[in-house]
Structure formats: C-alpha cells, structure tokens
Amino acid sequence: MELRQVQLFLAAAEEGSITAAARKMNLTQPALSRQIKALEEELDVELFTRGAHSVALTAAGRVLVEEGKKLVERAERVVKAVRAESAGEPLRIGYAPSLAGPLLGLALERFSQVHPRARVQLYDCSSAEMREGLLSGKFDVVVTVPWEGDAGAVQWTQVRQHPMRLAVPMSHAFAGREKVKLSELNGQRLLLFSRTDYPEYWQSVARLFRDHGIDAKVAGEFDGVTSLGSAVEAGLGVALIAAGSRIERVAVLGLDPDPEPVCVSAGFAAGKETSAVTAVFVAELRAVAAEEEKSTGKRQ
C-alpha cells in the first residue's frame, strides 16, 4: 500500500467526489480513479460505493479513513524528522516507483540515522522527467534503468538486477505455465510502457524482439505500472515487466531463453562532485538491495 494512494483516497473521501478530488490533487479524473482502484485491489475490498456524480464510503472505507489519517500524519512526522532543520543539506531523488519504490523506504530509514538533518525530497517520475531533472540540476541522484545516449553526461552505479518476466491475464492460455518461449510471443498483443516516458524500456524490448525475430503487435502504451497491470488483468494483452514489479491478479511467467536482466542503477550528473550525503544514501540503497536479493535467492 503506497502512501500516495492513501492520500488520494482520503481526498476522495473528504470531497465525496472523484472529480472534485482529482481537481484538488492536480490529477486527471482517470488517473485518480486508477490509483484508488489499485488500492482496492491490493486490499481486496471496496472502499466506495459509486454513484453517478459522487462516492460514499463503505464500512472498510471508513476504517481506512481513520487509519489512513494516522498513517499520513506519521509519514509527515518522518519527513520532518529527516529534514530536521532548514539548514540541513538537501537530497533530491528522482525514482521509478515500479523498480526503486520497494527499496527506498528502508534505505531512507537507515540514511536518516546517519544524516538526520538532511532535507530529503522524493520525486516519483518517468524516465524522461528523470533525465531532464538530473541534467538540469533539479535532482542529486536518480534511481532507474540507465538510459542510452548520455554516456558522457551521466555516471551510473548498479544497485540491483531484476530478471525480465511476462505478465499475462489469468484467463490466458499461458497462465498455467512456468515459462514461455520467446518465439511464442509471435502474434501476441503486447502492452508496453509509454515510449515517450520510458524510451530505454522501448529500446530494450525492440532489441530483444529484433534479436529473436519476434513479431508482436503493440496493443497499448501506459504511463505506469498500475495502469499497465490493470490492462493486463482486463485481458487486453501481455506485458514484459521486471521481476518484483507490483502487479496483482495476473500470472507472471519466466521466459526461455532469459532476456538480459533489468539493471536498476543510481545515476549522477557526470563531472559534478557527489556530496557525502548522496554517497551515503546510495550506499544504503545498495545494501538494502543486496539483502533483498539474498533473501529472494533463499526463497527460490
């Protein structure tokens, strides 16, 4: 359950309307609806009964309003504790939520013990936004898949590798299998992250298909893992994702042969001295990733 989803849910509960809450939170109505739907699916409950122009809380929704307010208040206290004082050194992080999100919480908790006065700012954004933010000086570090074309402008430090997996609807003919041959993707309807926002993803998928002579049909592009997962669940097609991506109610299968793994890395602007604060954060991030990878290996 992501903090942002809880904040959006609380806005909808307060306004009594998805449209009004979207206006308040500076989102489109479909984007806010997708986030609330993803939260309901993760909790496996209905939080609202929906009318033509309004929403009303269910019993489960009323519980989440009470507990969600406590969660948001606690998160705000944590942010204030990390920032500590306005004189503290800033740490501005751009990240891809589907890949880096699960690692950030523990890494920042450990980081704050070393640098309690640092002012942490997190930016959940697309690859294109991260590229622009890093090169313009808006971000101190980004955590994502390295993009191509900026070899001289960005210095990358590997954090973790994730195997590539295939997400299919539960009703799909592949759903009961452990692995799918790459050649079997011929003719499949393929769902992808937006080529504008995630160009390195498109490049890796295009390279994979070219190398293996695969002719799949692009059936849709999506702005994030939540909308992509919803489309797979609805049976609109299949998707190539990184192992560990948070997609519910779909079958996630291995591929044969295994494509190159997805390499999650920390990126810095080349030629600019990395601050001690940023270096400590990346060290904690790598340590958390190593522990997670070791734990995953034991479970497998």
C-alpha atoms as a PDB file:
ATOM      1  CA  MET A   1       0.000   0.000   0.000  1.00  0.00           C
ATOM      2  CA  GLU A   2       1.606   3.237  -1.168  1.00  0.00           C
ATOM      3  CA  LEU A   3       1.339   6.479   0.800  1.00  0.00           C
ATOM      4  CA  ARG A   4       0.340   8.456  -2.314  1.00  0.00           C
ATOM      5  CA  GLN A   5      -2.618   6.125  -2.899  1.00  0.00           C
ATOM      6  CA  VAL A   6      -3.806   6.646   0.680  1.00  0.00           C
ATOM      7  CA  GLN A   7      -3.523  10.425   0.274  1.00  0.00           C
ATOM      8  CA  LEU A   8      -5.614  10.292  -2.921  1.00  0.00           C
ATOM      9  CA  PHE A   9      -8.198   8.055  -1.242  1.00  0.00           C
ATOM     10  CA  LEU A  10      -8.505  10.481   1.695  1.00  0.00           C
ATOM     11  CA  ALA A  11      -9.022  13.380  -0.727  1.00  0.00           C
ATOM     12  CA  ALA A  12     -11.840  11.494  -2.472  1.00  0.00           C
ATOM     13  CA  ALA A  13     -13.402  10.605   0.894  1.00  0.00           C
ATOM     14  CA  GLU A  14     -13.249  14.235   2.030  1.00  0.00           C
ATOM     15  CA  GLU A  15     -14.645  15.643  -1.221  1.00  0.00           C
ATOM     16  CA  GLY A  16     -17.235  12.910  -1.754  1.00  0.00           C
ATOM     17  CA  SER A  17     -16.398  13.019  -5.452  1.00  0.00           C
ATOM     18  CA  ILE A  18     -13.616  11.565  -7.604  1.00  0.00           C
ATOM     19  CA  THR A  19     -13.789  14.537  -9.962  1.00  0.00           C
ATOM     20  CA  ALA A  20     -13.517  17.107  -7.156  1.00  0.00           C
ATOM     21  CA  ALA A  21     -10.684  15.158  -5.503  1.00  0.00           C
ATOM     22  CA  ALA A  22      -8.790  14.981  -8.808  1.00  0.00           C
ATOM     23  CA  ARG A  23      -9.071  18.771  -9.148  1.00  0.00           C
ATOM     24  CA  LYS A  24      -7.818  19.234  -5.589  1.00  0.00           C
ATOM     25  CA  MET A  25      -4.853  16.895  -6.107  1.00  0.00           C
ATOM     26  CA  ASN A  26      -3.967  18.287  -9.573  1.00  0.00           C
ATOM     27  CA  LEU A  27      -4.642  14.988 -11.366  1.00  0.00           C
ATOM     28  CA  THR A  28      -6.944  13.875 -14.132  1.00  0.00           C
ATOM     29  CA  GLN A  29     -10.052  12.003 -13.025  1.00  0.00           C
ATOM     30  CA  PRO A  30      -8.988   8.742 -14.765  1.00  0.00           C
ATOM     31  CA  ALA A  31      -5.541   8.866 -13.124  1.00  0.00           C
ATOM     32  CA  LEU A  32      -7.034   9.257  -9.637  1.00  0.00           C
ATOM     33  CA  SER A  33      -9.608   6.531 -10.328  1.00  0.00           C
ATOM     34  CA  ARG A  34      -6.820   4.124 -11.352  1.00  0.00           C
ATOM     35  CA  GLN A  35      -4.913   4.775  -8.135  1.00  0.00           C
ATOM     36  CA  ILE A  36      -7.979   4.147  -5.951  1.00  0.00           C
ATOM     37  CA  LYS A  37      -8.831   1.009  -7.940  1.00  0.00           C
ATOM     38  CA  ALA A  38      -5.272  -0.265  -7.433  1.00  0.00           C
ATOM     39  CA  LEU A  39      -5.585   0.369  -3.679  1.00  0.00           C
ATOM     40  CA  GLU A  40      -8.918  -1.505  -3.543  1.00  0.00           C
ATOM     41  CA  GLU A  41      -7.414  -4.430  -5.434  1.00  0.00           C
ATOM     42  CA  GLU A  42      -4.387  -4.607  -3.152  1.00  0.00           C
ATOM     43  CA  LEU A  43      -6.602  -4.565  -0.033  1.00  0.00           C
ATOM     44  CA  ASP A  44      -9.201  -6.815  -1.746  1.00  0.00           C
ATOM     45  CA  VAL A  45     -12.097  -4.597  -0.555  1.00  0.00           C
ATOM     46  CA  GLU A  46     -14.396  -1.912  -1.945  1.00  0.00           C
ATOM     47  CA  LEU A  47     -13.691   1.435  -0.329  1.00  0.00           C
ATOM     48  CA  PHE A  48     -16.506   3.389  -2.008  1.00  0.00           C
ATOM     49  CA  THR A  49     -19.970   2.795  -3.374  1.00  0.00           C
ATOM     50  CA  ARG A  50     -20.073   4.848  -6.569  1.00  0.00           C
ATOM     51  CA  GLY A  51     -22.982   6.982  -7.726  1.00  0.00           C
ATOM     52  CA  ALA A  52     -23.389   8.949 -10.934  1.00  0.00           C
ATOM     53  CA  HIS A  53     -21.660  12.054  -9.555  1.00  0.00           C
ATOM     54  CA  SER A  54     -20.485  11.122  -6.063  1.00  0.00           C
ATOM     55  CA  VAL A  55     -18.961   8.393  -3.931  1.00  0.00           C
ATOM     56  CA  ALA A  56     -19.854   7.168  -0.439  1.00  0.00           C
ATOM     57  CA  LEU A  57     -17.609   5.288   1.973  1.00  0.00           C
ATOM     58  CA  THR A  58     -18.157   1.603   2.669  1.00  0.00           C
ATOM     59  CA  ALA A  59     -17.505   0.165   6.138  1.00  0.00           C
ATOM     60  CA  ALA A  60     -13.992  -0.751   5.016  1.00  0.00           C
ATOM     61  CA  GLY A  61     -13.543   2.746   3.621  1.00  0.00           C
ATOM     62  CA  ARG A  62     -14.478   4.332   6.965  1.00  0.00           C
ATOM     63  CA  VAL A  63     -11.821   2.212   8.691  1.00  0.00           C
ATOM     64  CA  LEU A  64      -9.202   3.274   6.154  1.00  0.00           C
ATOM     65  CA  VAL A  65     -10.112   6.960   6.620  1.00  0.00           C
ATOM     66  CA  GLU A  66      -9.416   6.658  10.350  1.00  0.00           C
ATOM     67  CA  GLU A  67      -6.224   4.617   9.991  1.00  0.00           C
ATOM     68  CA  GLY A  68      -5.076   6.372   6.807  1.00  0.00           C
ATOM     69  CA  LYS A  69      -5.087   9.767   8.505  1.00  0.00           C
ATOM     70  CA  LYS A  70      -2.811   8.340  11.199  1.00  0.00           C
ATOM     71  CA  LEU A  71      -0.513   6.897   8.518  1.00  0.00           C
ATOM     72  CA  VAL A  72      -0.262  10.208   6.637  1.00  0.00           C
ATOM     73  CA  GLU A  73       0.373  12.130   9.863  1.00  0.00           C
ATOM     74  CA  ARG A  74       3.117   9.674  10.823  1.00  0.00           C
ATOM     75  CA  ALA A  75       4.698   9.959   7.357  1.00  0.00           C
ATOM     76  CA  GLU A  76       4.709  13.737   7.671  1.00  0.00           C
ATOM     77  CA  ARG A  77       6.454  13.438  11.027  1.00  0.00           C
ATOM     78  CA  VAL A  78       9.068  11.125   9.461  1.00  0.00           C
ATOM     79  CA  VAL A  79       9.711  13.618   6.644  1.00  0.00           C
ATOM     80  CA  LYS A  80      10.087  16.446   9.154  1.00  0.00           C
ATOM     81  CA  ALA A  81      12.478  14.336  11.224  1.00  0.00           C
ATOM     82  CA  VAL A  82      14.587  13.534   8.151  1.00  0.00           C
ATOM     83  CA  ARG A  83      14.654  17.146   7.025  1.00  0.00           C
ATOM     84  CA  ALA A  84      15.325  18.119  10.643  1.00  0.00           C
ATOM     85  CA  GLU A  85      16.277  21.737  10.077  1.00  0.00           C
ATOM     86  CA  SER A  86      16.037  24.063   7.112  1.00  0.00           C
ATOM     87  CA  ALA A  87      19.821  24.431   7.225  1.00  0.00           C
ATOM     88  CA  GLY A  88      20.302  20.728   6.534  1.00  0.00           C
ATOM     89  CA  GLU A  89      21.832  19.612   3.237  1.00  0.00           C
ATOM     90  CA  PRO A  90      19.229  18.676   0.579  1.00  0.00           C
ATOM     91  CA  LEU A  91      18.985  15.239  -1.045  1.00  0.00           C
ATOM     92  CA  ARG A  92      16.756  15.327  -4.130  1.00  0.00           C
ATOM     93  CA  ILE A  93      15.901  11.883  -5.502  1.00  0.00           C
ATOM     94  CA  GLY A  94      14.091  11.059  -8.730  1.00  0.00           C
ATOM     95  CA  TYR A  95      12.962   7.442  -8.931  1.00  0.00           C
ATOM     96  CA  ALA A  96      10.925   4.892 -10.867  1.00  0.00           C
ATOM     97  CA  PRO A  97       8.308   3.555  -8.391  1.00  0.00           C
ATOM     98  CA  SER A  98       7.877   0.146 -10.021  1.00  0.00           C
ATOM     99  CA  LEU A  99      11.614  -0.616  -9.660  1.00  0.00           C
ATOM    100  CA  ALA A 100      13.053   1.530  -6.877  1.00  0.00           C
ATOM    101  CA  GLY A 101       9.979   2.095  -4.708  1.00  0.00           C
ATOM    102  CA  PRO A 102      10.265  -1.109  -2.625  1.00  0.00           C
ATOM    103  CA  LEU A 103      13.913  -0.331  -1.761  1.00  0.00           C
ATOM    104  CA  LEU A 104      13.581   3.328  -0.832  1.00  0.00           C
ATOM    105  CA  GLY A 105      11.732   3.065   2.475  1.00  0.00           C
ATOM    106  CA  LEU A 106      14.325   1.041   4.376  1.00  0.00           C
ATOM    107  CA  ALA A 107      17.253   2.784   2.667  1.00  0.00           C
ATOM    108  CA  LEU A 108      15.944   6.207   3.706  1.00  0.00           C
ATOM    109  CA  GLU A 109      15.235   4.998   7.244  1.00  0.00           C
ATOM    110  CA  ARG A 110      18.856   3.910   7.613  1.00  0.00           C
ATOM    111  CA  PHE A 111      20.123   7.019   5.852  1.00  0.00           C
ATOM    112  CA  SER A 112      18.230   9.301   8.257  1.00  0.00           C
ATOM    113  CA  GLN A 113      20.061   7.732  11.196  1.00  0.00           C
ATOM    114  CA  VAL A 114      23.383   8.851   9.680  1.00  0.00           C
ATOM    115  CA  HIS A 115      22.216  12.243   8.350  1.00  0.00           C
ATOM    116  CA  PRO A 116      19.231  13.303  10.495  1.00  0.00           C
ATOM    117  CA  ARG A 117      19.460  16.921   9.315  1.00  0.00           C
ATOM    118  CA  ALA A 118      19.332  16.160   5.595  1.00  0.00           C
ATOM    119  CA  ARG A 119      16.300  17.503   3.717  1.00  0.00           C
ATOM    120  CA  VAL A 120      15.019  14.611   1.608  1.00  0.00           C
ATOM    121  CA  GLN A 121      12.846  15.322  -1.424  1.00  0.00           C
ATOM    122  CA  LEU A 122      11.392  12.400  -3.426  1.00  0.00           C
ATOM    123  CA  TYR A 123      10.122  12.719  -6.999  1.00  0.00           C
ATOM    124  CA  ASP A 124       8.127   9.826  -8.495  1.00  0.00           C
ATOM    125  CA  CYS A 125       8.570  10.429 -12.223  1.00  0.00           C
ATOM    126  CA  SER A 126       9.070   8.961 -15.671  1.00  0.00           C
ATOM    127  CA  SER A 127      12.449   8.248 -17.262  1.00  0.00           C
ATOM    128  CA  ALA A 128      12.121  11.356 -19.430  1.00  0.00           C
ATOM    129  CA  GLU A 129      11.442  13.528 -16.378  1.00  0.00           C
ATOM    130  CA  MET A 130      14.368  11.980 -14.507  1.00  0.00           C
ATOM    131  CA  ARG A 131      16.727  12.593 -17.421  1.00  0.00           C
ATOM    132  CA  GLU A 132      15.715  16.242 -17.667  1.00  0.00           C
ATOM    133  CA  GLY A 133      15.810  16.742 -13.883  1.00  0.00           C
ATOM    134  CA  LEU A 134      19.247  15.202 -13.434  1.00  0.00           C
ATOM    135  CA  LEU A 135      20.885  17.064 -16.295  1.00  0.00           C
ATOM    136  CA  SER A 136      19.293  20.399 -15.281  1.00  0.00           C
ATOM    137  CA  GLY A 137      20.428  20.040 -11.658  1.00  0.00           C
ATOM    138  CA  LYS A 138      16.957  19.532 -10.175  1.00  0.00           C
ATOM    139  CA  PHE A 139      17.941  16.064  -8.846  1.00  0.00           C
ATOM    140  CA  ASP A 140      21.067  14.980  -6.994  1.00  0.00           C
ATOM    141  CA  VAL A 141      20.538  11.331  -7.941  1.00  0.00           C
ATOM    142  CA  VAL A 142      18.054   9.216  -9.896  1.00  0.00           C
ATOM    143  CA  VAL A 143      17.214   5.550  -9.327  1.00  0.00           C
ATOM    144  CA  THR A 144      16.070   3.844 -12.519  1.00  0.00           C
ATOM    145  CA  VAL A 145      17.177   1.789 -15.517  1.00  0.00           C
ATOM    146  CA  PRO A 146      20.153   3.516 -17.212  1.00  0.00           C
ATOM    147  CA  TRP A 147      19.109   5.275 -20.374  1.00  0.00           C
ATOM    148  CA  GLU A 148      21.087   5.323 -23.597  1.00  0.00           C
ATOM    149  CA  GLY A 149      22.606   8.332 -25.303  1.00  0.00           C
ATOM    150  CA  ASP A 150      24.027  10.189 -22.286  1.00  0.00           C
ATOM    151  CA  ALA A 151      27.165   8.150 -21.625  1.00  0.00           C
ATOM    152  CA  GLY A 152      29.281  11.280 -21.184  1.00  0.00           C
ATOM    153  CA  ALA A 153      26.699  13.167 -19.112  1.00  0.00           C
ATOM    154  CA  VAL A 154      25.626  10.557 -16.536  1.00  0.00           C
ATOM    155  CA  GLN A 155      27.624   8.277 -14.261  1.00  0.00           C
ATOM    156  CA  TRP A 156      25.813   5.078 -13.222  1.00  0.00           C
ATOM    157  CA  THR A 157      26.277   2.828 -10.177  1.00  0.00           C
ATOM    158  CA  GLN A 158      24.448  -0.512 -10.287  1.00  0.00           C
ATOM    159  CA  VAL A 159      22.023  -1.155  -7.434  1.00  0.00           C
ATOM    160  CA  ARG A 160      20.254  -4.377  -8.402  1.00  0.00           C
ATOM    161  CA  GLN A 161      19.357  -6.597 -11.355  1.00  0.00           C
ATOM    162  CA  HIS A 162      15.824  -7.919 -11.925  1.00  0.00           C
ATOM    163  CA  PRO A 163      15.048 -10.769 -14.364  1.00  0.00           C
ATOM    164  CA  MET A 164      12.597  -9.941 -17.143  1.00  0.00           C
ATOM    165  CA  ARG A 165       9.202 -11.620 -16.813  1.00  0.00           C
ATOM    166  CA  LEU A 166       5.986 -11.949 -18.848  1.00  0.00           C
ATOM    167  CA  ALA A 167       2.707 -10.816 -17.265  1.00  0.00           C
ATOM    168  CA  VAL A 168      -0.430 -12.400 -18.749  1.00  0.00           C
ATOM    169  CA  PRO A 169      -4.150 -12.383 -17.808  1.00  0.00           C
ATOM    170  CA  MET A 170      -5.253 -15.239 -15.550  1.00  0.00           C
ATOM    171  CA  SER A 171      -7.500 -16.447 -18.396  1.00  0.00           C
ATOM    172  CA  HIS A 172      -4.639 -16.567 -20.950  1.00  0.00           C
ATOM    173  CA  ALA A 173      -3.530 -19.887 -22.466  1.00  0.00           C
ATOM    174  CA  PHE A 174      -0.040 -19.304 -20.993  1.00  0.00           C
ATOM    175  CA  ALA A 175      -1.293 -18.656 -17.446  1.00  0.00           C
ATOM    176  CA  GLY A 176      -0.795 -22.172 -16.066  1.00  0.00           C
ATOM    177  CA  ARG A 177       2.816 -22.466 -17.216  1.00  0.00           C
ATOM    178  CA  GLU A 178       6.100 -21.643 -15.520  1.00  0.00           C
ATOM    179  CA  LYS A 179       7.893 -20.452 -18.661  1.00  0.00           C
ATOM    180  CA  VAL A 180       7.092 -19.221 -22.147  1.00  0.00           C
ATOM    181  CA  LYS A 181       9.440 -19.489 -25.122  1.00  0.00           C
ATOM    182  CA  LEU A 182      10.247 -16.131 -26.649  1.00  0.00           C
ATOM    183  CA  SER A 183       9.209 -17.473 -30.054  1.00  0.00           C
ATOM    184  CA  GLU A 184       5.674 -17.972 -28.667  1.00  0.00           C
ATOM    185  CA  LEU A 185       5.277 -14.205 -28.354  1.00  0.00           C
ATOM    186  CA  ASN A 186       4.842 -14.028 -32.148  1.00  0.00           C
ATOM    187  CA  GLY A 187       1.425 -12.528 -32.866  1.00  0.00           C
ATOM    188  CA  GLN A 188       0.668 -11.711 -29.229  1.00  0.00           C
ATOM    189  CA  ARG A 189      -0.940  -8.375 -28.323  1.00  0.00           C
ATOM    190  CA  LEU A 190       1.794  -6.528 -26.445  1.00  0.00           C
ATOM    191  CA  LEU A 191       1.214  -3.876 -23.768  1.00  0.00           C
ATOM    192  CA  LEU A 192       4.147  -1.536 -23.135  1.00  0.00           C
ATOM    193  CA  PHE A 193       5.158   1.426 -21.019  1.00  0.00           C
ATOM    194  CA  SER A 194       4.893   4.710 -22.935  1.00  0.00           C
ATOM    195  CA  ARG A 195       7.704   5.127 -25.459  1.00  0.00           C
ATOM    196  CA  THR A 196       7.826   8.875 -24.687  1.00  0.00           C
ATOM    197  CA  ASP A 197       8.170   8.487 -20.913  1.00  0.00           C
ATOM    198  CA  TYR A 198      10.177   5.229 -20.896  1.00  0.00           C
ATOM    199  CA  PRO A 199      12.372   5.261 -24.033  1.00  0.00           C
ATOM    200  CA  GLU A 200      15.019   2.877 -22.601  1.00  0.00           C
ATOM    201  CA  TYR A 201      12.293   0.276 -21.970  1.00  0.00           C
ATOM    202  CA  TRP A 202      11.193   0.536 -25.600  1.00  0.00           C
ATOM    203  CA  GLN A 203      14.793   0.229 -26.776  1.00  0.00           C
ATOM    204  CA  SER A 204      15.384  -2.943 -24.745  1.00  0.00           C
ATOM    205  CA  VAL A 205      12.116  -4.559 -25.880  1.00  0.00           C
ATOM    206  CA  ALA A 206      12.767  -3.636 -29.529  1.00  0.00           C
ATOM    207  CA  ARG A 207      16.301  -5.074 -29.281  1.00  0.00           C
ATOM    208  CA  LEU A 208      15.002  -8.286 -27.698  1.00  0.00           C
ATOM    209  CA  PHE A 209      12.395  -8.794 -30.427  1.00  0.00           C
ATOM    210  CA  ARG A 210      14.831  -7.956 -33.218  1.00  0.00           C
ATOM    211  CA  ASP A 211      17.467 -10.379 -31.900  1.00  0.00           C
ATOM    212  CA  HIS A 212      14.942 -13.223 -31.664  1.00  0.00           C
ATOM    213  CA  GLY A 213      12.879 -12.465 -34.769  1.00  0.00           C
ATOM    214  CA  ILE A 214       9.678 -11.857 -32.791  1.00  0.00           C
ATOM    215  CA  ASP A 215       6.731 -10.128 -34.464  1.00  0.00           C
ATOM    216  CA  ALA A 216       4.349  -8.968 -31.722  1.00  0.00           C
ATOM    217  CA  LYS A 217       1.595  -6.386 -32.087  1.00  0.00           C
ATOM    218  CA  VAL A 218       1.705  -3.297 -29.836  1.00  0.00           C
ATOM    219  CA  ALA A 219      -1.822  -3.048 -28.428  1.00  0.00           C
ATOM    220  CA  GLY A 220      -1.351  -0.193 -25.962  1.00  0.00           C
ATOM    221  CA  GLU A 221       1.030   2.160 -24.161  1.00  0.00           C
ATOM    222  CA  PHE A 222       0.727   3.059 -20.473  1.00  0.00           C
ATOM    223  CA  ASP A 223       2.036   5.733 -18.136  1.00  0.00           C
ATOM    224  CA  GLY A 224       2.895   3.495 -15.189  1.00  0.00           C
ATOM    225  CA  VAL A 225       2.857   0.044 -13.651  1.00  0.00           C
ATOM    226  CA  THR A 226      -0.659   0.455 -12.172  1.00  0.00           C
ATOM    227  CA  SER A 227      -2.347   1.234 -15.494  1.00  0.00           C
ATOM    228  CA  LEU A 228      -0.263  -1.408 -17.297  1.00  0.00           C
ATOM    229  CA  GLY A 229      -1.236  -4.048 -14.737  1.00  0.00           C
ATOM    230  CA  SER A 230      -4.918  -3.120 -14.996  1.00  0.00           C
ATOM    231  CA  ALA A 231      -4.792  -3.550 -18.779  1.00  0.00           C
ATOM    232  CA  VAL A 232      -3.173  -6.987 -18.472  1.00  0.00           C
ATOM    233  CA  GLU A 233      -5.754  -8.044 -15.875  1.00  0.00           C
ATOM    234  CA  ALA A 234      -8.543  -6.887 -18.196  1.00  0.00           C
ATOM    235  CA  GLY A 235      -7.242  -9.208 -20.929  1.00  0.00           C
ATOM    236  CA  LEU A 236      -6.073  -6.515 -23.333  1.00  0.00           C
ATOM    237  CA  GLY A 237      -2.730  -8.230 -23.912  1.00  0.00           C
ATOM    238  CA  VAL A 238       0.524  -9.396 -22.335  1.00  0.00           C
ATOM    239  CA  ALA A 239       3.378  -7.287 -20.940  1.00  0.00           C
ATOM    240  CA  LEU A 240       7.120  -7.573 -20.381  1.00  0.00           C
ATOM    241  CA  ILE A 241       7.948  -6.412 -16.843  1.00  0.00           C
ATOM    242  CA  ALA A 242      10.793  -6.577 -14.353  1.00  0.00           C
ATOM    243  CA  ALA A 243      10.503  -9.319 -11.721  1.00  0.00           C
ATOM    244  CA  GLY A 244       9.274  -7.783  -8.492  1.00  0.00           C
ATOM    245  CA  SER A 245       7.014  -5.208 -10.187  1.00  0.00           C
ATOM    246  CA  ARG A 246       3.866  -4.743  -8.144  1.00  0.00           C
ATOM    247  CA  ILE A 247       1.156  -6.119 -10.411  1.00  0.00           C
ATOM    248  CA  GLU A 248      -1.737  -8.016  -8.820  1.00  0.00           C
ATOM    249  CA  ARG A 249      -4.172 -10.577 -10.234  1.00  0.00           C
ATOM    250  CA  VAL A 250      -2.122 -11.573 -13.244  1.00  0.00           C
ATOM    251  CA  ALA A 251       0.131 -14.570 -13.935  1.00  0.00           C
ATOM    252  CA  VAL A 252       3.851 -13.742 -14.013  1.00  0.00           C
ATOM    253  CA  LEU A 253       5.921 -16.233 -16.019  1.00  0.00           C
ATOM    254  CA  GLY A 254       9.555 -16.846 -16.857  1.00  0.00           C
ATOM    255  CA  LEU A 255      10.930 -16.568 -20.382  1.00  0.00           C
ATOM    256  CA  ASP A 256      13.046 -19.038 -22.341  1.00  0.00           C
ATOM    257  CA  PRO A 257      15.734 -18.066 -23.087  1.00  0.00           C
ATOM    258  CA  ASP A 258      16.098 -15.476 -20.325  1.00  0.00           C
ATOM    259  CA  PRO A 259      16.413 -11.940 -21.726  1.00  0.00           C
ATOM    260  CA  GLU A 260      19.025  -9.601 -20.321  1.00  0.00           C
ATOM    261  CA  PRO A 261      18.033  -8.641 -16.764  1.00  0.00           C
ATOM    262  CA  VAL A 262      16.728  -5.179 -15.942  1.00  0.00           C
ATOM    263  CA  CYS A 263      19.579  -3.262 -14.304  1.00  0.00           C
ATOM    264  CA  VAL A 264      18.394  -0.754 -11.678  1.00  0.00           C
ATOM    265  CA  SER A 265      21.084   1.857 -11.050  1.00  0.00           C
ATOM    266  CA  ALA A 266      21.759   5.143  -9.302  1.00  0.00           C
ATOM    267  CA  GLY A 267      22.661   7.914 -11.740  1.00  0.00           C
ATOM    268  CA  PHE A 268      24.650  11.110 -11.074  1.00  0.00           C
ATOM    269  CA  ALA A 269      25.478  14.050 -13.299  1.00  0.00           C
ATOM    270  CA  ALA A 270      28.991  13.393 -14.645  1.00  0.00           C
ATOM    271  CA  GLY A 271      31.652  15.972 -13.876  1.00  0.00           C
ATOM    272  CA  LYS A 272      29.865  17.114 -10.729  1.00  0.00           C
ATOM    273  CA  GLU A 273      31.280  16.122  -7.343  1.00  0.00           C
ATOM    274  CA  THR A 274      28.947  13.763  -5.498  1.00  0.00           C
ATOM    275  CA  SER A 275      28.145  15.016  -2.000  1.00  0.00           C
ATOM    276  CA  ALA A 276      28.816  12.871   1.077  1.00  0.00           C
ATOM    277  CA  VAL A 277      25.077  12.872   1.786  1.00  0.00           C
ATOM    278  CA  THR A 278      24.273  11.441  -1.667  1.00  0.00           C
ATOM    279  CA  ALA A 279      27.062   8.861  -1.372  1.00  0.00           C
ATOM    280  CA  VAL A 280      25.720   7.610   1.974  1.00  0.00           C
ATOM    281  CA  PHE A 281      22.202   7.305   0.555  1.00  0.00           C
ATOM    282  CA  VAL A 282      23.413   5.240  -2.432  1.00  0.00           C
ATOM    283  CA  ALA A 283      25.483   3.003  -0.134  1.00  0.00           C
ATOM    284  CA  GLU A 284      22.390   2.313   1.994  1.00  0.00           C
ATOM    285  CA  LEU A 285      20.311   1.700  -1.127  1.00  0.00           C
ATOM    286  CA  ARG A 286      22.817  -0.868  -2.423  1.00  0.00           C
ATOM    287  CA  ALA A 287      22.980  -2.571   0.978  1.00  0.00           C
ATOM    288  CA  VAL A 288      19.175  -2.900   1.138  1.00  0.00           C
ATOM    289  CA  ALA A 289      19.111  -4.227  -2.455  1.00  0.00           C
ATOM    290  CA  ALA A 290      21.798  -6.823  -1.640  1.00  0.00           C
ATOM    291  CA  GLU A 291      19.829  -8.017   1.399  1.00  0.00           C
ATOM    292  CA  GLU A 292      16.627  -8.257  -0.644  1.00  0.00           C
ATOM    293  CA  GLU A 293      18.396 -10.136  -3.433  1.00  0.00           C
ATOM    294  CA  LYS A 294      19.895 -12.593  -0.954  1.00  0.00           C
ATOM    295  CA  SER A 295      16.500 -13.137   0.664  1.00  0.00           C
ATOM    296  CA  THR A 296      14.863 -13.689  -2.726  1.00  0.00           C
ATOM    297  CA  GLY A 297      17.539 -16.214  -3.655  1.00  0.00           C
ATOM    298  CA  LYS A 298      16.881 -18.211  -0.492  1.00  0.00           C
ATOM    299  CA  ARG A 299      13.126 -18.319  -1.178  1.00  0.00           C
ATOM    300  CA  GLN A 300      13.744 -19.561  -4.709  1.00  0.00           C
END
